[in-house]
Amino acid sequence: MPRVYLTLEQELFKRIEEDANKNNITINLLMQNIFERIYMSGLNYSDIVEKIGLDTVGFDYTAALNELIKETNERDDGEFTLVMLDSFSKLCISTVEKGYLQPSTLRAKLGKLYNSVVKKDQNKAEQDKVLPGVERARDDNGDLKFISRTAVYVKNSIKQKENELQE
């Protein structure tokens, strides 16, 4: 059976734990029941947002990730960190004001999502890539590049166009 590793804010964990305790079941079983009722009944994330409303669901990672992807695809070639993308910087401020998450948690989760898109793109044909020409930057030794523990990416449209011509 597949396993899911889940990292939660302390407040959310506390609420789930209280609910599980009230129902005399484990947190795992409670969450499995919730997911089964949603997904096995044919609902999906968009349906949940539509029925409950985004403000009660919490932060919309899908929309935030799509905005980061859009901004990356529109930016010029060269090295960059996510903080250099306007939507990433602005989201960190606006979400705190709305009370969704701690900025560091938000940045970490969005960063992991973005990095997973870049990793998955490595195994795709150029025309199927979500972020064509984008990869993790490497230092002179070939190691992944970081600036103050922040992942550095590089966009190289010329390399991407050369790959398309070879295919």
N, C-alpha and C. Protein backbone atom coordinates (compact mmCIF):
# COMPACT_ATOMS: atom_id res chain seq x y z
N MET A 1 0.85 -1.18 0.00
CA MET A 1 0.00 0.00 0.00
C MET A 1 0.90 1.25 0.00
N PRO A 2 0.64 2.19 -0.89
CA PRO A 2 1.46 3.41 -0.93
C PRO A 2 1.32 4.22 0.36
N ARG A 3 2.37 4.92 0.69
CA ARG A 3 2.36 5.78 1.88
C ARG A 3 2.53 7.22 1.45
N VAL A 4 1.97 8.12 2.25
CA VAL A 4 2.08 9.55 1.99
C VAL A 4 2.74 10.20 3.20
N TYR A 5 3.79 10.96 2.93
CA TYR A 5 4.45 11.72 3.99
C TYR A 5 3.82 13.10 3.99
N LEU A 6 3.33 13.53 5.14
CA LEU A 6 2.59 14.78 5.24
C LEU A 6 3.15 15.65 6.34
N THR A 7 3.45 16.90 6.02
CA THR A 7 3.92 17.86 7.00
C THR A 7 2.84 18.90 7.20
N LEU A 8 2.43 19.11 8.44
CA LEU A 8 1.32 20.01 8.74
C LEU A 8 1.76 21.12 9.69
N GLU A 9 1.07 22.24 9.59
CA GLU A 9 1.24 23.30 10.58
C GLU A 9 0.76 22.76 11.93
N GLN A 10 1.34 23.24 13.01
CA GLN A 10 1.00 22.75 14.35
C GLN A 10 -0.48 22.92 14.66
N GLU A 11 -1.05 24.07 14.30
CA GLU A 11 -2.46 24.33 14.59
C GLU A 11 -3.37 23.35 13.85
N LEU A 12 -3.07 23.09 12.59
CA LEU A 12 -3.86 22.13 11.82
C LEU A 12 -3.73 20.73 12.41
N PHE A 13 -2.52 20.33 12.77
CA PHE A 13 -2.32 19.02 13.38
C PHE A 13 -3.13 18.89 14.66
N LYS A 14 -3.11 19.94 15.48
CA LYS A 14 -3.84 19.92 16.75
C LYS A 14 -5.35 19.71 16.51
N ARG A 15 -5.90 20.39 15.52
CA ARG A 15 -7.33 20.25 15.23
C ARG A 15 -7.66 18.84 14.74
N ILE A 16 -6.81 18.30 13.88
CA ILE A 16 -7.04 16.94 13.38
C ILE A 16 -6.93 15.94 14.52
N GLU A 17 -5.93 16.12 15.36
CA GLU A 17 -5.73 15.23 16.51
C GLU A 17 -6.93 15.27 17.44
N GLU A 18 -7.45 16.46 17.73
CA GLU A 18 -8.63 16.59 18.59
C GLU A 18 -9.83 15.87 17.99
N ASP A 19 -10.02 16.03 16.67
CA ASP A 19 -11.13 15.38 15.99
C ASP A 19 -10.99 13.86 16.04
N ALA A 20 -9.78 13.37 15.82
CA ALA A 20 -9.54 11.92 15.87
C ALA A 20 -9.81 11.39 17.28
N ASN A 21 -9.33 12.11 18.29
CA ASN A 21 -9.55 11.67 19.67
C ASN A 21 -11.03 11.65 20.03
N LYS A 22 -11.78 12.65 19.59
CA LYS A 22 -13.23 12.69 19.86
C LYS A 22 -13.94 11.50 19.24
N ASN A 23 -13.43 11.04 18.10
CA ASN A 23 -14.05 9.92 17.40
C ASN A 23 -13.40 8.58 17.72
N ASN A 24 -12.47 8.59 18.69
CA ASN A 24 -11.80 7.37 19.14
C ASN A 24 -11.13 6.60 18.00
N ILE A 25 -10.49 7.34 17.08
CA ILE A 25 -9.74 6.71 16.00
C ILE A 25 -8.38 7.39 15.88
N THR A 26 -7.50 6.77 15.14
CA THR A 26 -6.18 7.37 14.94
C THR A 26 -6.27 8.51 13.92
N ILE A 27 -5.26 9.35 13.93
CA ILE A 27 -5.20 10.44 12.96
C ILE A 27 -5.14 9.86 11.55
N ASN A 28 -4.35 8.81 11.36
CA ASN A 28 -4.25 8.17 10.05
C ASN A 28 -5.61 7.72 9.53
N LEU A 29 -6.36 7.04 10.39
CA LEU A 29 -7.66 6.53 9.98
C LEU A 29 -8.63 7.68 9.69
N LEU A 30 -8.60 8.71 10.51
CA LEU A 30 -9.46 9.87 10.28
C LEU A 30 -9.18 10.49 8.91
N MET A 31 -7.91 10.70 8.62
CA MET A 31 -7.54 11.33 7.35
C MET A 31 -7.86 10.41 6.17
N GLN A 32 -7.64 9.12 6.35
CA GLN A 32 -7.98 8.18 5.28
C GLN A 32 -9.48 8.22 5.01
N ASN A 33 -10.30 8.26 6.06
CA ASN A 33 -11.75 8.34 5.89
C ASN A 33 -12.16 9.61 5.14
N ILE A 34 -11.54 10.72 5.51
CA ILE A 34 -11.85 11.99 4.84
C ILE A 34 -11.49 11.92 3.36
N PHE A 35 -10.28 11.45 3.07
CA PHE A 35 -9.84 11.35 1.67
C PHE A 35 -10.72 10.39 0.87
N GLU A 36 -11.09 9.26 1.48
CA GLU A 36 -11.94 8.30 0.78
C GLU A 36 -13.30 8.91 0.46
N ARG A 37 -13.87 9.62 1.43
CA ARG A 37 -15.19 10.23 1.19
C ARG A 37 -15.12 11.27 0.07
N ILE A 38 -14.03 11.98 -0.01
CA ILE A 38 -13.88 13.00 -1.06
C ILE A 38 -13.60 12.35 -2.40
N TYR A 39 -12.52 11.61 -2.49
CA TYR A 39 -12.05 11.12 -3.78
C TYR A 39 -12.80 9.90 -4.30
N MET A 40 -13.26 9.03 -3.43
CA MET A 40 -13.99 7.86 -3.89
C MET A 40 -15.41 8.21 -4.30
N SER A 41 -15.88 9.39 -3.89
CA SER A 41 -17.21 9.83 -4.33
C SER A 41 -17.12 10.62 -5.64
N GLY A 42 -15.91 10.74 -6.18
CA GLY A 42 -15.74 11.39 -7.47
C GLY A 42 -15.40 12.87 -7.40
N LEU A 43 -15.23 13.40 -6.20
CA LEU A 43 -14.87 14.81 -6.08
C LEU A 43 -13.37 14.99 -6.32
N ASN A 44 -12.96 16.23 -6.59
CA ASN A 44 -11.55 16.56 -6.70
C ASN A 44 -11.31 17.91 -6.04
N TYR A 45 -10.09 18.38 -6.08
CA TYR A 45 -9.72 19.63 -5.39
C TYR A 45 -10.59 20.80 -5.84
N SER A 46 -10.82 20.92 -7.14
CA SER A 46 -11.64 22.03 -7.66
C SER A 46 -13.06 21.96 -7.11
N ASP A 47 -13.61 20.76 -6.99
CA ASP A 47 -14.95 20.60 -6.43
C ASP A 47 -15.00 21.05 -4.97
N ILE A 48 -13.96 20.72 -4.22
CA ILE A 48 -13.91 21.11 -2.81
C ILE A 48 -13.87 22.62 -2.68
N VAL A 49 -13.03 23.26 -3.47
CA VAL A 49 -12.93 24.72 -3.43
C VAL A 49 -14.28 25.33 -3.79
N GLU A 50 -14.93 24.76 -4.80
CA GLU A 50 -16.22 25.28 -5.25
C GLU A 50 -17.29 25.12 -4.17
N LYS A 51 -17.32 23.96 -3.50
CA LYS A 51 -18.35 23.70 -2.50
C LYS A 51 -18.11 24.43 -1.18
N ILE A 52 -16.86 24.47 -0.75
CA ILE A 52 -16.55 25.03 0.56
C ILE A 52 -16.10 26.48 0.46
N GLY A 53 -15.41 26.81 -0.61
CA GLY A 53 -14.86 28.15 -0.75
C GLY A 53 -13.38 28.13 -0.43
N LEU A 54 -12.60 28.87 -1.19
CA LEU A 54 -11.15 28.85 -1.02
C LEU A 54 -10.72 29.37 0.33
N ASP A 55 -11.40 30.38 0.86
CA ASP A 55 -10.97 30.96 2.13
C ASP A 55 -11.05 29.97 3.28
N THR A 56 -11.98 29.00 3.19
CA THR A 56 -12.07 28.02 4.26
C THR A 56 -11.16 26.82 4.01
N VAL A 57 -10.77 26.61 2.76
CA VAL A 57 -9.88 25.49 2.45
C VAL A 57 -8.46 25.83 2.85
N GLY A 58 -8.09 27.08 2.70
CA GLY A 58 -6.74 27.50 3.02
C GLY A 58 -6.04 28.03 1.79
N PHE A 59 -4.75 28.01 1.82
CA PHE A 59 -3.95 28.55 0.73
C PHE A 59 -4.04 27.66 -0.50
N ASP A 60 -4.18 28.25 -1.67
CA ASP A 60 -4.30 27.50 -2.92
C ASP A 60 -2.91 27.31 -3.54
N TYR A 61 -2.29 26.18 -3.23
CA TYR A 61 -0.95 25.88 -3.74
C TYR A 61 -0.95 25.71 -5.26
N THR A 62 -2.03 25.17 -5.80
CA THR A 62 -2.10 24.96 -7.24
C THR A 62 -2.01 26.28 -7.98
N ALA A 63 -2.80 27.26 -7.55
CA ALA A 63 -2.79 28.57 -8.20
C ALA A 63 -1.43 29.25 -8.02
N ALA A 64 -0.87 29.14 -6.83
CA ALA A 64 0.44 29.77 -6.56
C ALA A 64 1.53 29.14 -7.43
N LEU A 65 1.53 27.82 -7.53
CA LEU A 65 2.52 27.13 -8.36
C LEU A 65 2.35 27.51 -9.83
N ASN A 66 1.11 27.56 -10.29
CA ASN A 66 0.87 27.93 -11.69
C ASN A 66 1.34 29.35 -11.98
N GLU A 67 1.20 30.24 -11.02
CA GLU A 67 1.68 31.62 -11.19
C GLU A 67 3.22 31.65 -11.25
N LEU A 68 3.87 30.86 -10.41
CA LEU A 68 5.34 30.77 -10.45
C LEU A 68 5.81 30.23 -11.81
N ILE A 69 5.12 29.24 -12.31
CA ILE A 69 5.47 28.65 -13.61
C ILE A 69 5.30 29.69 -14.71
N LYS A 70 4.18 30.41 -14.67
CA LYS A 70 3.92 31.44 -15.69
C LYS A 70 5.02 32.51 -15.66
N GLU A 71 5.34 32.98 -14.46
CA GLU A 71 6.39 34.01 -14.33
C GLU A 71 7.74 33.50 -14.81
N THR A 72 8.07 32.27 -14.50
CA THR A 72 9.35 31.70 -14.92
C THR A 72 9.42 31.62 -16.44
N ASN A 73 8.34 31.15 -17.05
CA ASN A 73 8.33 31.02 -18.51
C ASN A 73 8.42 32.38 -19.20
N GLU A 74 7.99 33.45 -18.53
CA GLU A 74 8.03 34.79 -19.11
C GLU A 74 9.35 35.52 -18.83
N ARG A 75 10.13 35.03 -17.90
CA ARG A 75 11.35 35.73 -17.51
C ARG A 75 12.49 35.49 -18.51
N ASP A 76 13.47 36.39 -18.45
CA ASP A 76 14.65 36.27 -19.31
C ASP A 76 15.54 35.13 -18.84
N ASP A 77 16.43 34.71 -19.72
CA ASP A 77 17.39 33.66 -19.38
C ASP A 77 18.33 34.11 -18.26
N GLY A 78 18.88 33.14 -17.55
CA GLY A 78 19.85 33.41 -16.50
C GLY A 78 19.48 32.71 -15.21
N GLU A 79 20.34 32.86 -14.22
CA GLU A 79 20.12 32.25 -12.91
C GLU A 79 19.10 33.06 -12.12
N PHE A 80 18.35 32.35 -11.28
CA PHE A 80 17.36 33.02 -10.43
C PHE A 80 17.01 32.14 -9.24
N THR A 81 16.48 32.77 -8.20
CA THR A 81 15.89 32.06 -7.07
C THR A 81 14.41 32.40 -7.08
N LEU A 82 13.62 31.63 -6.37
CA LEU A 82 12.18 31.89 -6.36
C LEU A 82 11.84 33.25 -5.77
N VAL A 83 12.66 33.74 -4.86
CA VAL A 83 12.41 35.05 -4.25
C VAL A 83 12.45 36.15 -5.31
N MET A 84 13.15 35.90 -6.41
CA MET A 84 13.24 36.89 -7.49
C MET A 84 11.95 36.97 -8.32
N LEU A 85 11.05 36.02 -8.13
CA LEU A 85 9.77 36.04 -8.83
C LEU A 85 8.77 36.84 -7.99
N ASP A 86 8.13 37.82 -8.62
CA ASP A 86 7.23 38.72 -7.90
C ASP A 86 6.14 37.99 -7.13
N SER A 87 5.51 37.02 -7.77
CA SER A 87 4.40 36.34 -7.12
C SER A 87 4.85 35.61 -5.86
N PHE A 88 6.05 35.05 -5.86
CA PHE A 88 6.56 34.35 -4.69
C PHE A 88 6.76 35.32 -3.53
N SER A 89 7.37 36.44 -3.79
CA SER A 89 7.61 37.44 -2.74
C SER A 89 6.31 38.02 -2.21
N LYS A 90 5.40 38.35 -3.11
CA LYS A 90 4.13 38.97 -2.70
C LYS A 90 3.24 37.99 -1.95
N LEU A 91 3.24 36.74 -2.35
CA LEU A 91 2.41 35.74 -1.68
C LEU A 91 2.81 35.57 -0.23
N CYS A 92 4.08 35.63 0.05
CA CYS A 92 4.56 35.46 1.42
C CYS A 92 4.00 36.55 2.32
N ILE A 93 3.87 37.75 1.80
CA ILE A 93 3.34 38.85 2.59
C ILE A 93 1.83 38.73 2.72
N SER A 94 1.13 38.50 1.61
CA SER A 94 -0.33 38.49 1.64
C SER A 94 -0.89 37.32 2.44
N THR A 95 -0.23 36.17 2.44
CA THR A 95 -0.76 35.03 3.17
C THR A 95 -0.67 35.24 4.67
N VAL A 96 0.35 35.92 5.13
CA VAL A 96 0.46 36.20 6.55
C VAL A 96 -0.67 37.13 6.97
N GLU A 97 -0.95 38.12 6.13
CA GLU A 97 -2.03 39.05 6.43
C GLU A 97 -3.36 38.33 6.52
N LYS A 98 -3.55 37.30 5.69
CA LYS A 98 -4.81 36.55 5.70
C LYS A 98 -4.80 35.45 6.76
N GLY A 99 -3.66 35.22 7.37
CA GLY A 99 -3.58 34.25 8.46
C GLY A 99 -3.49 32.80 8.03
N TYR A 100 -3.09 32.53 6.79
CA TYR A 100 -3.02 31.14 6.35
C TYR A 100 -1.86 30.39 6.98
N LEU A 101 -0.65 30.85 6.74
CA LEU A 101 0.54 30.09 7.12
C LEU A 101 1.66 31.01 7.56
N GLN A 102 2.64 30.43 8.19
CA GLN A 102 3.88 31.15 8.46
C GLN A 102 4.59 31.34 7.12
N PRO A 103 5.20 32.49 6.88
CA PRO A 103 5.88 32.70 5.60
C PRO A 103 6.94 31.65 5.30
N SER A 104 7.69 31.22 6.30
CA SER A 104 8.75 30.24 6.04
C SER A 104 8.17 28.90 5.61
N THR A 105 7.04 28.51 6.18
CA THR A 105 6.39 27.26 5.80
C THR A 105 5.87 27.35 4.38
N LEU A 106 5.26 28.47 4.07
CA LEU A 106 4.73 28.68 2.73
C LEU A 106 5.85 28.62 1.69
N ARG A 107 6.93 29.33 1.95
CA ARG A 107 8.07 29.34 1.01
C ARG A 107 8.63 27.93 0.84
N ALA A 108 8.76 27.21 1.93
CA ALA A 108 9.32 25.85 1.85
C ALA A 108 8.43 24.93 1.03
N LYS A 109 7.14 24.96 1.29
CA LYS A 109 6.22 24.07 0.55
C LYS A 109 6.16 24.43 -0.92
N LEU A 110 6.05 25.71 -1.22
CA LEU A 110 6.02 26.13 -2.63
C LEU A 110 7.34 25.81 -3.32
N GLY A 111 8.44 26.01 -2.61
CA GLY A 111 9.75 25.69 -3.17
C GLY A 111 9.87 24.21 -3.51
N LYS A 112 9.38 23.35 -2.63
CA LYS A 112 9.43 21.90 -2.88
C LYS A 112 8.56 21.54 -4.09
N LEU A 113 7.39 22.16 -4.18
CA LEU A 113 6.52 21.90 -5.32
C LEU A 113 7.20 22.31 -6.63
N TYR A 114 7.77 23.50 -6.62
CA TYR A 114 8.44 24.03 -7.81
C TYR A 114 9.61 23.13 -8.20
N ASN A 115 10.40 22.75 -7.21
CA ASN A 115 11.56 21.88 -7.46
C ASN A 115 11.12 20.53 -8.03
N SER A 116 9.99 20.01 -7.56
CA SER A 116 9.52 18.73 -8.09
C SER A 116 9.11 18.85 -9.55
N VAL A 117 8.57 20.02 -9.95
CA VAL A 117 8.23 20.24 -11.36
C VAL A 117 9.51 20.23 -12.20
N VAL A 118 10.54 20.93 -11.72
CA VAL A 118 11.82 20.98 -12.44
C VAL A 118 12.41 19.57 -12.56
N LYS A 119 12.37 18.79 -11.47
CA LYS A 119 12.91 17.42 -11.50
C LYS A 119 12.14 16.53 -12.48
N LYS A 120 10.81 16.62 -12.44
CA LYS A 120 9.99 15.78 -13.33
C LYS A 120 10.23 16.15 -14.79
N ASP A 121 10.48 17.41 -15.06
CA ASP A 121 10.74 17.86 -16.43
C ASP A 121 12.00 17.23 -17.02
N GLN A 122 12.95 16.83 -16.18
CA GLN A 122 14.20 16.25 -16.67
C GLN A 122 13.96 14.99 -17.49
N ASN A 123 12.90 14.26 -17.17
CA ASN A 123 12.62 12.99 -17.84
C ASN A 123 11.60 13.12 -18.96
N LYS A 124 11.24 14.34 -19.33
CA LYS A 124 10.22 14.55 -20.35
C LYS A 124 10.84 15.06 -21.65
N ALA A 125 10.15 14.81 -22.74
CA ALA A 125 10.55 15.40 -24.03
C ALA A 125 10.35 16.90 -23.93
N GLU A 126 11.14 17.66 -24.68
CA GLU A 126 11.10 19.13 -24.59
C GLU A 126 9.70 19.70 -24.75
N GLN A 127 8.92 19.18 -25.69
CA GLN A 127 7.59 19.73 -25.94
C GLN A 127 6.61 19.44 -24.81
N ASP A 128 6.93 18.50 -23.93
CA ASP A 128 6.05 18.14 -22.82
C ASP A 128 6.43 18.82 -21.50
N LYS A 129 7.53 19.55 -21.50
CA LYS A 129 8.01 20.15 -20.25
C LYS A 129 7.12 21.31 -19.81
N VAL A 130 6.92 21.41 -18.51
CA VAL A 130 6.16 22.50 -17.91
C VAL A 130 7.01 23.76 -17.85
N LEU A 131 8.29 23.57 -17.56
CA LEU A 131 9.25 24.68 -17.47
C LEU A 131 10.40 24.42 -18.45
N PRO A 132 10.15 24.60 -19.75
CA PRO A 132 11.20 24.32 -20.73
C PRO A 132 12.42 25.22 -20.55
N GLY A 133 13.59 24.60 -20.60
CA GLY A 133 14.84 25.36 -20.47
C GLY A 133 15.23 25.69 -19.04
N VAL A 134 14.45 25.22 -18.05
CA VAL A 134 14.75 25.52 -16.65
C VAL A 134 15.29 24.27 -15.97
N GLU A 135 16.38 24.44 -15.24
CA GLU A 135 16.95 23.35 -14.46
C GLU A 135 17.63 23.93 -13.23
N ARG A 136 18.03 23.06 -12.32
CA ARG A 136 18.77 23.51 -11.15
C ARG A 136 20.14 23.97 -11.60
N ALA A 137 20.59 25.11 -11.09
CA ALA A 137 21.93 25.63 -11.40
C ALA A 137 22.97 24.80 -10.65
N ARG A 138 24.14 24.70 -11.24
CA ARG A 138 25.25 23.96 -10.62
C ARG A 138 26.46 24.87 -10.50
N ASP A 139 27.26 24.60 -9.45
CA ASP A 139 28.48 25.40 -9.26
C ASP A 139 29.61 24.82 -10.12
N ASP A 140 30.80 25.38 -9.97
CA ASP A 140 31.95 24.96 -10.79
C ASP A 140 32.33 23.49 -10.58
N ASN A 141 31.98 22.93 -9.43
CA ASN A 141 32.28 21.52 -9.14
C ASN A 141 31.17 20.58 -9.61
N GLY A 142 30.10 21.14 -10.15
CA GLY A 142 28.98 20.32 -10.61
C GLY A 142 27.95 20.04 -9.54
N ASP A 143 28.15 20.62 -8.35
CA ASP A 143 27.18 20.43 -7.26
C ASP A 143 26.02 21.41 -7.43
N LEU A 144 24.86 21.03 -6.89
CA LEU A 144 23.71 21.93 -6.94
C LEU A 144 24.05 23.24 -6.25
N LYS A 145 23.64 24.32 -6.84
CA LYS A 145 23.99 25.65 -6.35
C LYS A 145 22.91 26.18 -5.40
N PHE A 146 23.37 26.79 -4.32
CA PHE A 146 22.49 27.42 -3.33
C PHE A 146 23.02 28.80 -3.01
N ILE A 147 22.12 29.71 -2.68
CA ILE A 147 22.49 31.02 -2.14
C ILE A 147 21.76 31.13 -0.81
N SER A 148 22.50 31.17 0.28
CA SER A 148 21.90 31.22 1.62
C SER A 148 20.83 30.14 1.80
N ARG A 149 21.18 28.91 1.48
CA ARG A 149 20.32 27.74 1.61
C ARG A 149 19.10 27.78 0.68
N THR A 150 19.10 28.68 -0.28
CA THR A 150 18.00 28.79 -1.24
C THR A 150 18.45 28.20 -2.57
N ALA A 151 17.62 27.33 -3.14
CA ALA A 151 17.95 26.70 -4.42
C ALA A 151 18.05 27.74 -5.52
N VAL A 152 19.05 27.56 -6.37
CA VAL A 152 19.23 28.45 -7.52
C VAL A 152 18.86 27.66 -8.77
N TYR A 153 18.08 28.30 -9.63
CA TYR A 153 17.67 27.71 -10.90
C TYR A 153 18.30 28.50 -12.03
N VAL A 154 18.34 27.91 -13.20
CA VAL A 154 18.85 28.63 -14.37
C VAL A 154 17.89 28.37 -15.53
N LYS A 155 17.56 29.44 -16.22
CA LYS A 155 16.73 29.33 -17.42
C LYS A 155 17.64 29.58 -18.62
N ASN A 156 17.59 28.65 -19.56
CA ASN A 156 18.42 28.75 -20.75
C ASN A 156 17.57 28.41 -21.97
N SER A 157 16.91 29.40 -22.53
CA SER A 157 16.03 29.19 -23.68
C SER A 157 16.80 28.72 -24.90
N ILE A 158 18.05 29.17 -25.05
CA ILE A 158 18.86 28.78 -26.21
C ILE A 158 19.12 27.28 -26.18
N LYS A 159 19.49 26.75 -25.00
CA LYS A 159 19.73 25.32 -24.86
C LYS A 159 18.45 24.54 -25.15
N GLN A 160 17.33 25.07 -24.67
CA GLN A 160 16.04 24.42 -24.87
C GLN A 160 15.70 24.37 -26.36
N LYS A 161 15.94 25.46 -27.09
CA LYS A 161 15.65 25.51 -28.52
C LYS A 161 16.56 24.55 -29.30
N GLU A 162 17.82 24.44 -28.87
CA GLU A 162 18.75 23.49 -29.51
C GLU A 162 18.26 22.06 -29.33
N ASN A 163 17.75 21.74 -28.12
CA ASN A 163 17.22 20.40 -27.86
C ASN A 163 16.01 20.11 -28.74
N GLU A 164 15.15 21.11 -28.94
CA GLU A 164 13.98 20.93 -29.79
C GLU A 164 14.39 20.64 -31.23
N LEU A 165 15.43 21.32 -31.71
CA LEU A 165 15.89 21.12 -33.08
C LEU A 165 16.48 19.72 -33.27
N GLN A 166 17.11 19.18 -32.22
CA GLN A 166 17.71 17.85 -32.30
C GLN A 166 16.65 16.75 -32.33
N GLU A 167 15.48 17.03 -31.76
CA GLU A 167 14.42 16.01 -31.69
C GLU A 167 13.69 15.92 -32.95
